[in-house]
């Protein structure tokens, strides 16, 4: 069971890191928060589509982080220790497909959640329980189901485990003053 959990986390690491590290960008002087909203200020039913917090710069930063994670995984493939935790053979897939696309898809899932939050009049940055913890899970599962032969048990582990990981890291980010709330 531990092996299945670690393999699942290793496989979905680019998606989790790509989406999860976007708030860190605000604390890097050269990469301060961008002002180019992906919805260009457009509205739907009188509400912003995604809101000002979903930026082109965030998409690029998160996708680059996921690409780097995928590149590291491709490099680590040469070591048997890491190959033992791979859900697929990293030598058969480009790190761009594994990392970059996983990251982009995860951020897209987060944006879909933001759209739903705006339509329910939930302010940016405010908690939206269940959806905050599962937004990237569903898009990552859908994406991987089309491209990778991932075991069903990995999807179940991700659905159960990611909300816990998400909350632990939100609490850590709050303690480190990266986030304004622990939820």
N, C-alpha and C. Protein backbone atom coordinates (compact mmCIF):
# COMPACT_ATOMS: atom_id res chain seq x y z
N UNK A 1 0.82 -1.20 0.00
CA UNK A 1 0.00 0.00 0.00
C UNK A 1 0.87 1.26 0.00
N UNK A 2 1.93 1.28 0.80
CA UNK A 2 2.84 2.43 0.85
C UNK A 2 3.44 2.66 -0.54
N UNK A 3 3.82 1.57 -1.20
CA UNK A 3 4.40 1.68 -2.53
C UNK A 3 3.40 2.32 -3.50
N UNK A 4 2.14 1.92 -3.43
CA UNK A 4 1.11 2.49 -4.31
C UNK A 4 0.92 3.98 -4.04
N UNK A 5 0.93 4.38 -2.77
CA UNK A 5 0.78 5.79 -2.41
C UNK A 5 1.96 6.60 -2.94
N UNK A 6 3.18 6.13 -2.70
CA UNK A 6 4.37 6.84 -3.16
C UNK A 6 4.42 6.91 -4.69
N UNK A 7 4.04 5.83 -5.36
CA UNK A 7 4.03 5.83 -6.82
C UNK A 7 3.02 6.83 -7.36
N UNK A 8 1.87 6.91 -6.74
CA UNK A 8 0.84 7.87 -7.16
C UNK A 8 1.32 9.29 -6.96
N UNK A 9 1.88 9.58 -5.79
CA UNK A 9 2.39 10.93 -5.53
C UNK A 9 3.52 11.29 -6.49
N UNK A 10 4.38 10.33 -6.78
CA UNK A 10 5.49 10.57 -7.71
C UNK A 10 4.96 10.87 -9.11
N UNK A 11 3.99 10.11 -9.54
CA UNK A 11 3.43 10.31 -10.87
C UNK A 11 2.76 11.68 -11.02
N UNK A 12 1.95 12.07 -10.03
CA UNK A 12 1.20 13.32 -10.11
C UNK A 12 1.97 14.51 -9.55
N UNK A 13 3.22 14.33 -9.17
CA UNK A 13 4.03 15.42 -8.61
C UNK A 13 4.10 16.66 -9.52
N UNK A 14 4.31 16.52 -10.83
CA UNK A 14 4.35 17.74 -11.66
C UNK A 14 3.06 18.56 -11.57
N UNK A 15 1.92 17.89 -11.57
CA UNK A 15 0.64 18.61 -11.47
C UNK A 15 0.51 19.29 -10.11
N UNK A 16 0.84 18.56 -9.05
CA UNK A 16 0.71 19.13 -7.70
C UNK A 16 1.69 20.27 -7.47
N UNK A 17 2.92 20.12 -7.93
CA UNK A 17 3.92 21.17 -7.75
C UNK A 17 3.62 22.37 -8.64
N UNK A 18 3.26 22.11 -9.89
CA UNK A 18 2.96 23.20 -10.81
C UNK A 18 1.85 24.10 -10.31
N UNK A 19 0.79 23.51 -9.82
CA UNK A 19 -0.33 24.30 -9.30
C UNK A 19 -0.05 24.82 -7.90
N UNK A 20 0.57 24.00 -7.08
CA UNK A 20 0.76 24.36 -5.67
C UNK A 20 1.79 25.44 -5.41
N UNK A 21 2.76 25.59 -6.29
CA UNK A 21 3.82 26.57 -6.05
C UNK A 21 3.54 27.94 -6.67
N UNK A 22 2.44 28.09 -7.35
CA UNK A 22 2.13 29.40 -7.95
C UNK A 22 2.13 30.53 -6.92
N UNK A 23 1.56 30.37 -5.72
CA UNK A 23 1.60 31.48 -4.76
C UNK A 23 3.01 31.91 -4.34
N UNK A 24 3.97 31.01 -4.44
CA UNK A 24 5.36 31.33 -4.07
C UNK A 24 5.91 32.41 -5.00
N UNK A 25 5.43 32.43 -6.24
CA UNK A 25 5.92 33.40 -7.23
C UNK A 25 5.80 34.84 -6.72
N UNK A 26 4.79 35.13 -5.94
CA UNK A 26 4.57 36.47 -5.42
C UNK A 26 5.72 36.93 -4.51
N UNK A 27 6.49 36.00 -3.98
CA UNK A 27 7.55 36.31 -3.03
C UNK A 27 8.94 36.28 -3.68
N UNK A 28 8.98 36.16 -4.99
CA UNK A 28 10.24 36.19 -5.72
C UNK A 28 10.29 37.53 -6.44
N UNK A 29 11.24 38.41 -6.05
CA UNK A 29 11.24 39.78 -6.59
C UNK A 29 11.11 39.89 -8.11
N UNK A 30 11.79 39.06 -8.87
CA UNK A 30 11.72 39.16 -10.33
C UNK A 30 10.41 38.63 -10.91
N UNK A 31 9.66 37.90 -10.11
CA UNK A 31 8.44 37.25 -10.62
C UNK A 31 7.18 37.71 -9.90
N UNK A 32 7.21 38.91 -9.33
CA UNK A 32 6.05 39.40 -8.58
C UNK A 32 4.75 39.17 -9.34
N UNK A 33 3.69 39.14 -8.58
CA UNK A 33 2.38 38.82 -9.15
C UNK A 33 2.08 39.61 -10.41
N UNK A 34 1.71 38.90 -11.44
CA UNK A 34 1.38 39.51 -12.72
C UNK A 34 0.03 40.19 -12.69
N UNK A 35 -0.15 41.09 -13.58
CA UNK A 35 -1.40 41.84 -13.65
C UNK A 35 -2.20 41.51 -14.89
N UNK A 36 -1.85 40.44 -15.59
CA UNK A 36 -2.53 40.09 -16.83
C UNK A 36 -3.49 38.92 -16.60
N UNK A 37 -4.71 39.27 -16.22
CA UNK A 37 -5.72 38.24 -15.93
C UNK A 37 -6.06 37.44 -17.18
N UNK A 38 -6.20 36.13 -17.00
CA UNK A 38 -6.50 35.28 -18.17
C UNK A 38 -7.90 35.55 -18.72
N UNK A 39 -8.78 36.10 -17.91
CA UNK A 39 -10.12 36.40 -18.42
C UNK A 39 -10.23 37.81 -19.01
N UNK A 40 -9.11 38.55 -19.00
CA UNK A 40 -9.06 39.90 -19.58
C UNK A 40 -10.17 40.80 -19.05
N UNK A 41 -10.62 40.54 -17.83
CA UNK A 41 -11.66 41.36 -17.22
C UNK A 41 -13.07 41.05 -17.69
N UNK A 42 -13.22 40.02 -18.52
CA UNK A 42 -14.55 39.67 -19.04
C UNK A 42 -15.44 39.09 -17.94
N UNK A 43 -16.72 39.22 -18.13
CA UNK A 43 -17.68 38.73 -17.14
C UNK A 43 -18.65 37.74 -17.78
N UNK A 44 -19.27 36.96 -16.92
CA UNK A 44 -20.34 36.04 -17.31
C UNK A 44 -21.41 36.19 -16.24
N UNK A 45 -22.62 36.50 -16.66
CA UNK A 45 -23.73 36.75 -15.73
C UNK A 45 -23.38 37.84 -14.72
N UNK A 46 -22.62 38.83 -15.18
CA UNK A 46 -22.27 39.97 -14.33
C UNK A 46 -21.13 39.71 -13.36
N UNK A 47 -20.51 38.55 -13.44
CA UNK A 47 -19.39 38.22 -12.54
C UNK A 47 -18.15 37.90 -13.38
N UNK A 48 -16.98 38.22 -12.82
CA UNK A 48 -15.74 37.91 -13.52
C UNK A 48 -15.69 36.41 -13.84
N UNK A 49 -15.11 36.06 -14.97
CA UNK A 49 -15.05 34.66 -15.38
C UNK A 49 -14.13 33.88 -14.44
N UNK A 50 -12.90 34.35 -14.27
CA UNK A 50 -11.95 33.66 -13.38
C UNK A 50 -11.51 34.55 -12.23
N UNK A 51 -11.49 35.84 -12.43
CA UNK A 51 -11.05 36.78 -11.40
C UNK A 51 -9.62 37.24 -11.65
N UNK A 52 -9.23 38.26 -10.92
CA UNK A 52 -7.91 38.87 -11.14
C UNK A 52 -6.76 38.01 -10.66
N UNK A 53 -7.01 37.01 -9.84
CA UNK A 53 -5.93 36.17 -9.32
C UNK A 53 -5.46 35.10 -10.29
N UNK A 54 -6.19 34.85 -11.34
CA UNK A 54 -5.79 33.86 -12.35
C UNK A 54 -5.12 34.63 -13.48
N UNK A 55 -3.79 34.57 -13.51
CA UNK A 55 -3.05 35.39 -14.46
C UNK A 55 -2.27 34.54 -15.47
N UNK A 56 -1.95 35.18 -16.57
CA UNK A 56 -1.11 34.55 -17.57
C UNK A 56 0.23 34.19 -16.94
N UNK A 57 0.76 35.08 -16.13
CA UNK A 57 2.04 34.84 -15.47
C UNK A 57 1.98 33.62 -14.55
N UNK A 58 0.85 33.44 -13.86
CA UNK A 58 0.67 32.27 -13.00
C UNK A 58 0.63 30.99 -13.81
N UNK A 59 -0.08 31.03 -14.94
CA UNK A 59 -0.12 29.85 -15.83
C UNK A 59 1.27 29.48 -16.31
N UNK A 60 2.02 30.49 -16.75
CA UNK A 60 3.37 30.23 -17.27
C UNK A 60 4.27 29.71 -16.15
N UNK A 61 4.24 30.35 -14.99
CA UNK A 61 5.08 29.93 -13.87
C UNK A 61 4.76 28.50 -13.45
N UNK A 62 3.48 28.20 -13.27
CA UNK A 62 3.08 26.86 -12.84
C UNK A 62 3.44 25.79 -13.87
N UNK A 63 3.27 26.12 -15.14
CA UNK A 63 3.61 25.16 -16.19
C UNK A 63 5.12 24.93 -16.24
N UNK A 64 5.91 25.99 -16.06
CA UNK A 64 7.38 25.85 -16.04
C UNK A 64 7.81 25.00 -14.84
N UNK A 65 7.20 25.22 -13.68
CA UNK A 65 7.53 24.40 -12.50
C UNK A 65 7.21 22.93 -12.79
N UNK A 66 6.07 22.67 -13.38
CA UNK A 66 5.69 21.29 -13.72
C UNK A 66 6.64 20.69 -14.76
N UNK A 67 7.06 21.50 -15.72
CA UNK A 67 8.04 21.04 -16.71
C UNK A 67 9.35 20.65 -16.04
N UNK A 68 9.78 21.47 -15.11
CA UNK A 68 11.02 21.18 -14.37
C UNK A 68 10.86 19.88 -13.58
N UNK A 69 9.69 19.71 -12.94
CA UNK A 69 9.43 18.47 -12.20
C UNK A 69 9.47 17.27 -13.13
N UNK A 70 8.85 17.39 -14.30
CA UNK A 70 8.88 16.30 -15.28
C UNK A 70 10.29 16.03 -15.79
N UNK A 71 11.07 17.08 -15.98
CA UNK A 71 12.46 16.92 -16.41
C UNK A 71 13.27 16.19 -15.35
N UNK A 72 13.06 16.56 -14.10
CA UNK A 72 13.76 15.87 -12.99
C UNK A 72 13.35 14.40 -12.95
N UNK A 73 12.06 14.12 -13.12
CA UNK A 73 11.61 12.73 -13.14
C UNK A 73 12.25 11.96 -14.30
N UNK A 74 12.36 12.60 -15.45
CA UNK A 74 13.00 11.95 -16.60
C UNK A 74 14.47 11.64 -16.29
N UNK A 75 15.13 12.58 -15.63
CA UNK A 75 16.52 12.36 -15.23
C UNK A 75 16.63 11.23 -14.20
N UNK A 76 15.72 11.22 -13.23
CA UNK A 76 15.77 10.21 -12.16
C UNK A 76 15.42 8.81 -12.67
N UNK A 77 14.83 8.73 -13.85
CA UNK A 77 14.47 7.43 -14.42
C UNK A 77 15.68 6.51 -14.55
N UNK A 78 16.86 7.08 -14.69
CA UNK A 78 18.06 6.23 -14.87
C UNK A 78 18.45 5.49 -13.58
N UNK A 79 17.83 5.84 -12.47
CA UNK A 79 18.14 5.19 -11.20
C UNK A 79 17.03 4.20 -10.84
N UNK A 80 17.43 2.99 -10.54
CA UNK A 80 16.46 1.93 -10.26
C UNK A 80 15.52 2.29 -9.12
N UNK A 81 16.05 2.95 -8.10
CA UNK A 81 15.22 3.33 -6.96
C UNK A 81 13.97 4.09 -7.43
N UNK A 82 14.15 5.05 -8.32
CA UNK A 82 13.02 5.85 -8.79
C UNK A 82 12.17 5.09 -9.80
N UNK A 83 12.80 4.26 -10.62
CA UNK A 83 12.04 3.44 -11.57
C UNK A 83 11.05 2.54 -10.84
N UNK A 84 11.39 2.12 -9.63
CA UNK A 84 10.50 1.27 -8.84
C UNK A 84 9.21 1.98 -8.46
N UNK A 85 9.21 3.31 -8.51
CA UNK A 85 8.02 4.08 -8.11
C UNK A 85 7.30 4.71 -9.31
N UNK A 86 7.73 4.41 -10.49
CA UNK A 86 7.09 4.96 -11.68
C UNK A 86 5.83 4.17 -12.04
N UNK A 87 4.78 4.89 -12.36
CA UNK A 87 3.55 4.25 -12.85
C UNK A 87 3.62 4.01 -14.35
N UNK A 88 4.55 4.67 -15.00
CA UNK A 88 4.77 4.44 -16.42
C UNK A 88 6.26 4.59 -16.69
N UNK A 89 6.69 4.10 -17.80
CA UNK A 89 8.10 4.12 -18.17
C UNK A 89 8.46 5.52 -18.67
N UNK A 90 9.19 6.27 -17.86
CA UNK A 90 9.52 7.65 -18.20
C UNK A 90 10.43 7.75 -19.43
N UNK A 91 11.04 6.66 -19.83
CA UNK A 91 11.87 6.72 -21.03
C UNK A 91 11.02 6.72 -22.31
N UNK A 92 9.75 6.39 -22.19
CA UNK A 92 8.87 6.32 -23.37
C UNK A 92 8.05 7.60 -23.58
N UNK A 93 8.10 8.51 -22.61
CA UNK A 93 7.31 9.74 -22.69
C UNK A 93 8.23 10.94 -22.52
N UNK A 94 7.95 11.99 -23.23
CA UNK A 94 8.70 13.23 -23.11
C UNK A 94 8.35 13.89 -21.77
N UNK A 95 9.35 14.52 -21.15
CA UNK A 95 9.07 15.25 -19.90
C UNK A 95 8.10 16.39 -20.16
N UNK A 96 8.02 16.86 -21.42
CA UNK A 96 7.06 17.91 -21.76
C UNK A 96 5.65 17.37 -21.62
N UNK A 97 5.41 16.16 -22.10
CA UNK A 97 4.09 15.56 -21.99
C UNK A 97 3.77 15.22 -20.54
N UNK A 98 4.74 14.67 -19.84
CA UNK A 98 4.50 14.27 -18.46
C UNK A 98 4.37 15.49 -17.55
N UNK A 99 5.36 16.36 -17.58
CA UNK A 99 5.38 17.49 -16.65
C UNK A 99 4.59 18.69 -17.12
N UNK A 100 4.93 19.18 -18.28
CA UNK A 100 4.31 20.42 -18.76
C UNK A 100 2.82 20.32 -18.94
N UNK A 101 2.38 19.27 -19.58
CA UNK A 101 0.95 19.14 -19.83
C UNK A 101 0.21 18.85 -18.53
N UNK A 102 0.80 18.02 -17.66
CA UNK A 102 0.16 17.76 -16.36
C UNK A 102 -0.01 19.06 -15.58
N UNK A 103 1.04 19.89 -15.59
CA UNK A 103 0.96 21.16 -14.88
C UNK A 103 -0.10 22.07 -15.47
N UNK A 104 -0.11 22.19 -16.79
CA UNK A 104 -1.09 23.04 -17.45
C UNK A 104 -2.51 22.56 -17.16
N UNK A 105 -2.72 21.26 -17.23
CA UNK A 105 -4.05 20.69 -16.98
C UNK A 105 -4.48 20.94 -15.52
N UNK A 106 -3.54 20.81 -14.58
CA UNK A 106 -3.87 21.07 -13.17
C UNK A 106 -4.28 22.52 -12.97
N UNK A 107 -3.55 23.44 -13.59
CA UNK A 107 -3.87 24.86 -13.46
C UNK A 107 -5.21 25.16 -14.14
N UNK A 108 -5.47 24.48 -15.24
CA UNK A 108 -6.76 24.62 -15.91
C UNK A 108 -7.88 24.18 -14.96
N UNK A 109 -7.68 23.06 -14.24
CA UNK A 109 -8.66 22.60 -13.26
C UNK A 109 -8.89 23.63 -12.17
N UNK A 110 -7.82 24.26 -11.73
CA UNK A 110 -7.93 25.31 -10.72
C UNK A 110 -8.72 26.50 -11.27
N UNK A 111 -8.51 26.80 -12.53
CA UNK A 111 -9.26 27.90 -13.16
C UNK A 111 -10.74 27.57 -13.28
N UNK A 112 -11.06 26.32 -13.62
CA UNK A 112 -12.47 25.92 -13.68
C UNK A 112 -13.13 26.09 -12.31
N UNK A 113 -12.39 25.72 -11.27
CA UNK A 113 -12.93 25.92 -9.92
C UNK A 113 -13.16 27.40 -9.64
N UNK A 114 -12.23 28.24 -10.09
CA UNK A 114 -12.40 29.68 -9.89
C UNK A 114 -13.63 30.20 -10.61
N UNK A 115 -13.89 29.68 -11.79
CA UNK A 115 -15.11 30.06 -12.52
C UNK A 115 -16.35 29.73 -11.69
N UNK A 116 -16.39 28.53 -11.14
CA UNK A 116 -17.53 28.12 -10.32
C UNK A 116 -17.64 29.01 -9.09
N UNK A 117 -16.50 29.29 -8.45
CA UNK A 117 -16.51 30.16 -7.27
C UNK A 117 -17.08 31.54 -7.61
N UNK A 118 -16.65 32.11 -8.74
CA UNK A 118 -17.15 33.43 -9.12
C UNK A 118 -18.66 33.38 -9.34
N UNK A 119 -19.16 32.32 -9.96
CA UNK A 119 -20.59 32.22 -10.24
C UNK A 119 -21.41 32.04 -8.96
N UNK A 120 -20.79 31.47 -7.92
CA UNK A 120 -21.46 31.34 -6.62
C UNK A 120 -21.12 32.50 -5.70
N UNK A 121 -20.49 33.52 -6.26
CA UNK A 121 -20.14 34.75 -5.55
C UNK A 121 -19.18 34.51 -4.37
N UNK A 122 -18.29 33.53 -4.52
CA UNK A 122 -17.24 33.29 -3.53
C UNK A 122 -16.05 34.14 -3.95
N UNK A 123 -15.58 34.99 -3.07
CA UNK A 123 -14.50 35.93 -3.41
C UNK A 123 -13.18 35.20 -3.63
N UNK A 124 -12.31 35.75 -4.49
CA UNK A 124 -10.98 35.16 -4.72
C UNK A 124 -10.22 34.99 -3.41
N UNK A 125 -9.60 33.83 -3.26
CA UNK A 125 -8.81 33.56 -2.06
C UNK A 125 -9.61 33.03 -0.88
N UNK A 126 -10.94 33.13 -0.96
CA UNK A 126 -11.78 32.61 0.11
C UNK A 126 -11.99 31.11 -0.09
N UNK A 127 -12.13 30.36 1.01
CA UNK A 127 -12.27 28.90 0.88
C UNK A 127 -13.56 28.49 0.17
N UNK A 128 -13.45 27.42 -0.56
CA UNK A 128 -14.59 26.80 -1.25
C UNK A 128 -14.41 25.31 -1.02
N UNK A 129 -14.83 24.88 0.17
CA UNK A 129 -14.52 23.53 0.63
C UNK A 129 -14.94 22.46 -0.37
N UNK A 130 -14.22 21.41 -0.36
CA UNK A 130 -14.25 20.27 -1.26
C UNK A 130 -13.64 20.64 -2.61
N UNK A 131 -14.11 21.71 -3.27
CA UNK A 131 -13.58 22.06 -4.58
C UNK A 131 -12.14 22.56 -4.49
N UNK A 132 -11.80 23.28 -3.42
CA UNK A 132 -10.42 23.73 -3.26
C UNK A 132 -9.46 22.55 -3.17
N UNK A 133 -9.92 21.47 -2.59
CA UNK A 133 -9.07 20.31 -2.38
C UNK A 133 -9.09 19.31 -3.53
N UNK A 134 -10.01 19.46 -4.46
CA UNK A 134 -10.14 18.44 -5.51
C UNK A 134 -10.08 18.98 -6.93
N UNK A 135 -9.92 20.29 -7.08
CA UNK A 135 -9.96 20.88 -8.42
C UNK A 135 -8.95 20.26 -9.37
N UNK A 136 -7.70 20.15 -8.95
CA UNK A 136 -6.70 19.60 -9.86
C UNK A 136 -6.79 18.08 -9.97
N UNK A 137 -7.41 17.46 -8.98
CA UNK A 137 -7.51 16.00 -8.98
C UNK A 137 -8.35 15.53 -10.17
N UNK A 138 -9.50 16.13 -10.34
CA UNK A 138 -10.40 15.67 -11.39
C UNK A 138 -9.83 15.92 -12.78
N UNK A 139 -9.25 17.10 -13.01
CA UNK A 139 -8.68 17.35 -14.34
C UNK A 139 -7.45 16.49 -14.58
N UNK A 140 -6.65 16.24 -13.54
CA UNK A 140 -5.48 15.37 -13.71
C UNK A 140 -5.89 13.94 -14.01
N UNK A 141 -6.93 13.48 -13.35
CA UNK A 141 -7.42 12.11 -13.59
C UNK A 141 -7.96 11.99 -15.02
N UNK A 142 -8.76 12.96 -15.43
CA UNK A 142 -9.32 12.92 -16.79
C UNK A 142 -8.19 12.93 -17.82
N UNK A 143 -7.23 13.82 -17.63
CA UNK A 143 -6.11 13.91 -18.57
C UNK A 143 -5.32 12.61 -18.62
N UNK A 144 -4.95 12.10 -17.47
CA UNK A 144 -4.11 10.90 -17.46
C UNK A 144 -4.86 9.69 -18.00
N UNK A 145 -6.17 9.64 -17.81
CA UNK A 145 -6.95 8.51 -18.32
C UNK A 145 -6.88 8.43 -19.85
N UNK A 146 -6.73 9.56 -20.51
CA UNK A 146 -6.63 9.57 -21.97
C UNK A 146 -5.23 9.23 -22.48
N UNK A 147 -4.21 9.52 -21.69
CA UNK A 147 -2.85 9.40 -22.20
C UNK A 147 -1.98 8.34 -21.54
N UNK A 148 -2.24 8.00 -20.30
CA UNK A 148 -1.37 7.09 -19.55
C UNK A 148 -2.16 5.92 -18.99
N UNK A 149 -1.56 4.75 -18.96
CA UNK A 149 -2.22 3.58 -18.35
C UNK A 149 -1.99 3.56 -16.83
N UNK A 150 -2.70 4.41 -16.10
CA UNK A 150 -2.54 4.51 -14.65
C UNK A 150 -3.58 3.61 -13.97
N UNK A 151 -3.16 2.83 -12.97
CA UNK A 151 -4.11 1.93 -12.29
C UNK A 151 -5.24 2.69 -11.57
N UNK A 152 -6.39 2.09 -11.54
CA UNK A 152 -7.55 2.67 -10.85
C UNK A 152 -7.21 2.99 -9.39
N UNK A 153 -6.42 2.14 -8.76
CA UNK A 153 -6.05 2.38 -7.35
C UNK A 153 -5.34 3.72 -7.18
N UNK A 154 -4.58 4.15 -8.19
CA UNK A 154 -3.89 5.44 -8.11
C UNK A 154 -4.89 6.59 -8.10
N UNK A 155 -5.95 6.46 -8.88
CA UNK A 155 -6.98 7.50 -8.88
C UNK A 155 -7.67 7.59 -7.52
N UNK A 156 -7.93 6.45 -6.93
CA UNK A 156 -8.57 6.42 -5.61
C UNK A 156 -7.63 7.03 -4.57
N UNK A 157 -6.37 6.66 -4.62
CA UNK A 157 -5.37 7.23 -3.69
C UNK A 157 -5.32 8.74 -3.85
N UNK A 158 -5.32 9.22 -5.09
CA UNK A 158 -5.26 10.66 -5.35
C UNK A 158 -6.51 11.36 -4.82
N UNK A 159 -7.68 10.77 -5.05
CA UNK A 159 -8.92 11.38 -4.57
C UNK A 159 -8.98 11.47 -3.05
N UNK A 160 -8.43 10.47 -2.38
CA UNK A 160 -8.45 10.46 -0.91
C UNK A 160 -7.26 11.25 -0.34
N UNK A 161 -6.10 11.07 -0.93
CA UNK A 161 -4.88 11.64 -0.36
C UNK A 161 -4.63 13.09 -0.67
N UNK A 162 -5.00 13.54 -1.87
CA UNK A 162 -4.67 14.92 -2.25
C UNK A 162 -5.35 15.96 -1.35
N UNK A 163 -6.61 15.80 -0.98
CA UNK A 163 -7.19 16.80 -0.07
C UNK A 163 -6.43 16.94 1.24
N UNK A 164 -5.89 15.85 1.74
CA UNK A 164 -5.10 15.89 2.98
C UNK A 164 -3.79 16.64 2.72
N UNK A 165 -3.11 16.27 1.64
CA UNK A 165 -1.85 16.94 1.29
C UNK A 165 -2.09 18.43 1.05
N UNK A 166 -3.15 18.74 0.34
CA UNK A 166 -3.52 20.13 0.05
C UNK A 166 -3.66 20.93 1.34
N UNK A 167 -4.38 20.38 2.29
CA UNK A 167 -4.62 21.10 3.54
C UNK A 167 -3.35 21.27 4.36
N UNK A 168 -2.52 20.23 4.41
CA UNK A 168 -1.25 20.32 5.15
C UNK A 168 -0.38 21.43 4.57
N UNK A 169 -0.29 21.49 3.25
CA UNK A 169 0.54 22.51 2.62
C UNK A 169 -0.06 23.91 2.74
N UNK A 170 -1.37 24.01 2.76
CA UNK A 170 -2.00 25.32 3.00
C UNK A 170 -1.67 25.80 4.41
N UNK A 171 -1.70 24.90 5.37
CA UNK A 171 -1.36 25.27 6.75
C UNK A 171 0.11 25.70 6.84
N UNK A 172 0.98 24.97 6.16
CA UNK A 172 2.41 25.31 6.14
C UNK A 172 2.61 26.68 5.48
N UNK A 173 1.94 26.92 4.37
CA UNK A 173 2.06 28.21 3.68
C UNK A 173 1.54 29.35 4.56
N UNK A 174 0.52 29.09 5.35
CA UNK A 174 0.00 30.09 6.28
C UNK A 174 1.04 30.40 7.35
N UNK A 175 1.65 29.37 7.91
CA UNK A 175 2.68 29.56 8.94
C UNK A 175 3.88 30.33 8.36
N UNK A 176 4.22 30.07 7.10
CA UNK A 176 5.35 30.75 6.44
C UNK A 176 4.96 32.11 5.87
N UNK A 177 3.69 32.51 6.09
CA UNK A 177 3.16 33.79 5.63
C UNK A 177 3.12 33.92 4.10
N UNK A 178 2.96 32.80 3.42
CA UNK A 178 2.78 32.80 1.97
C UNK A 178 1.31 32.94 1.63
N UNK A 179 0.45 32.44 2.54
CA UNK A 179 -1.00 32.54 2.37
C UNK A 179 -1.59 33.33 3.53
N UNK A 180 -2.77 33.94 3.29
CA UNK A 180 -3.43 34.72 4.33
C UNK A 180 -4.35 33.89 5.21
N UNK A 181 -4.69 32.67 4.77
CA UNK A 181 -5.57 31.83 5.58
C UNK A 181 -5.07 30.39 5.53
N UNK A 182 -5.37 29.62 6.55
CA UNK A 182 -4.88 28.24 6.63
C UNK A 182 -5.81 27.27 5.92
N UNK A 183 -6.98 27.74 5.47
CA UNK A 183 -7.93 26.87 4.77
C UNK A 183 -7.69 26.98 3.28
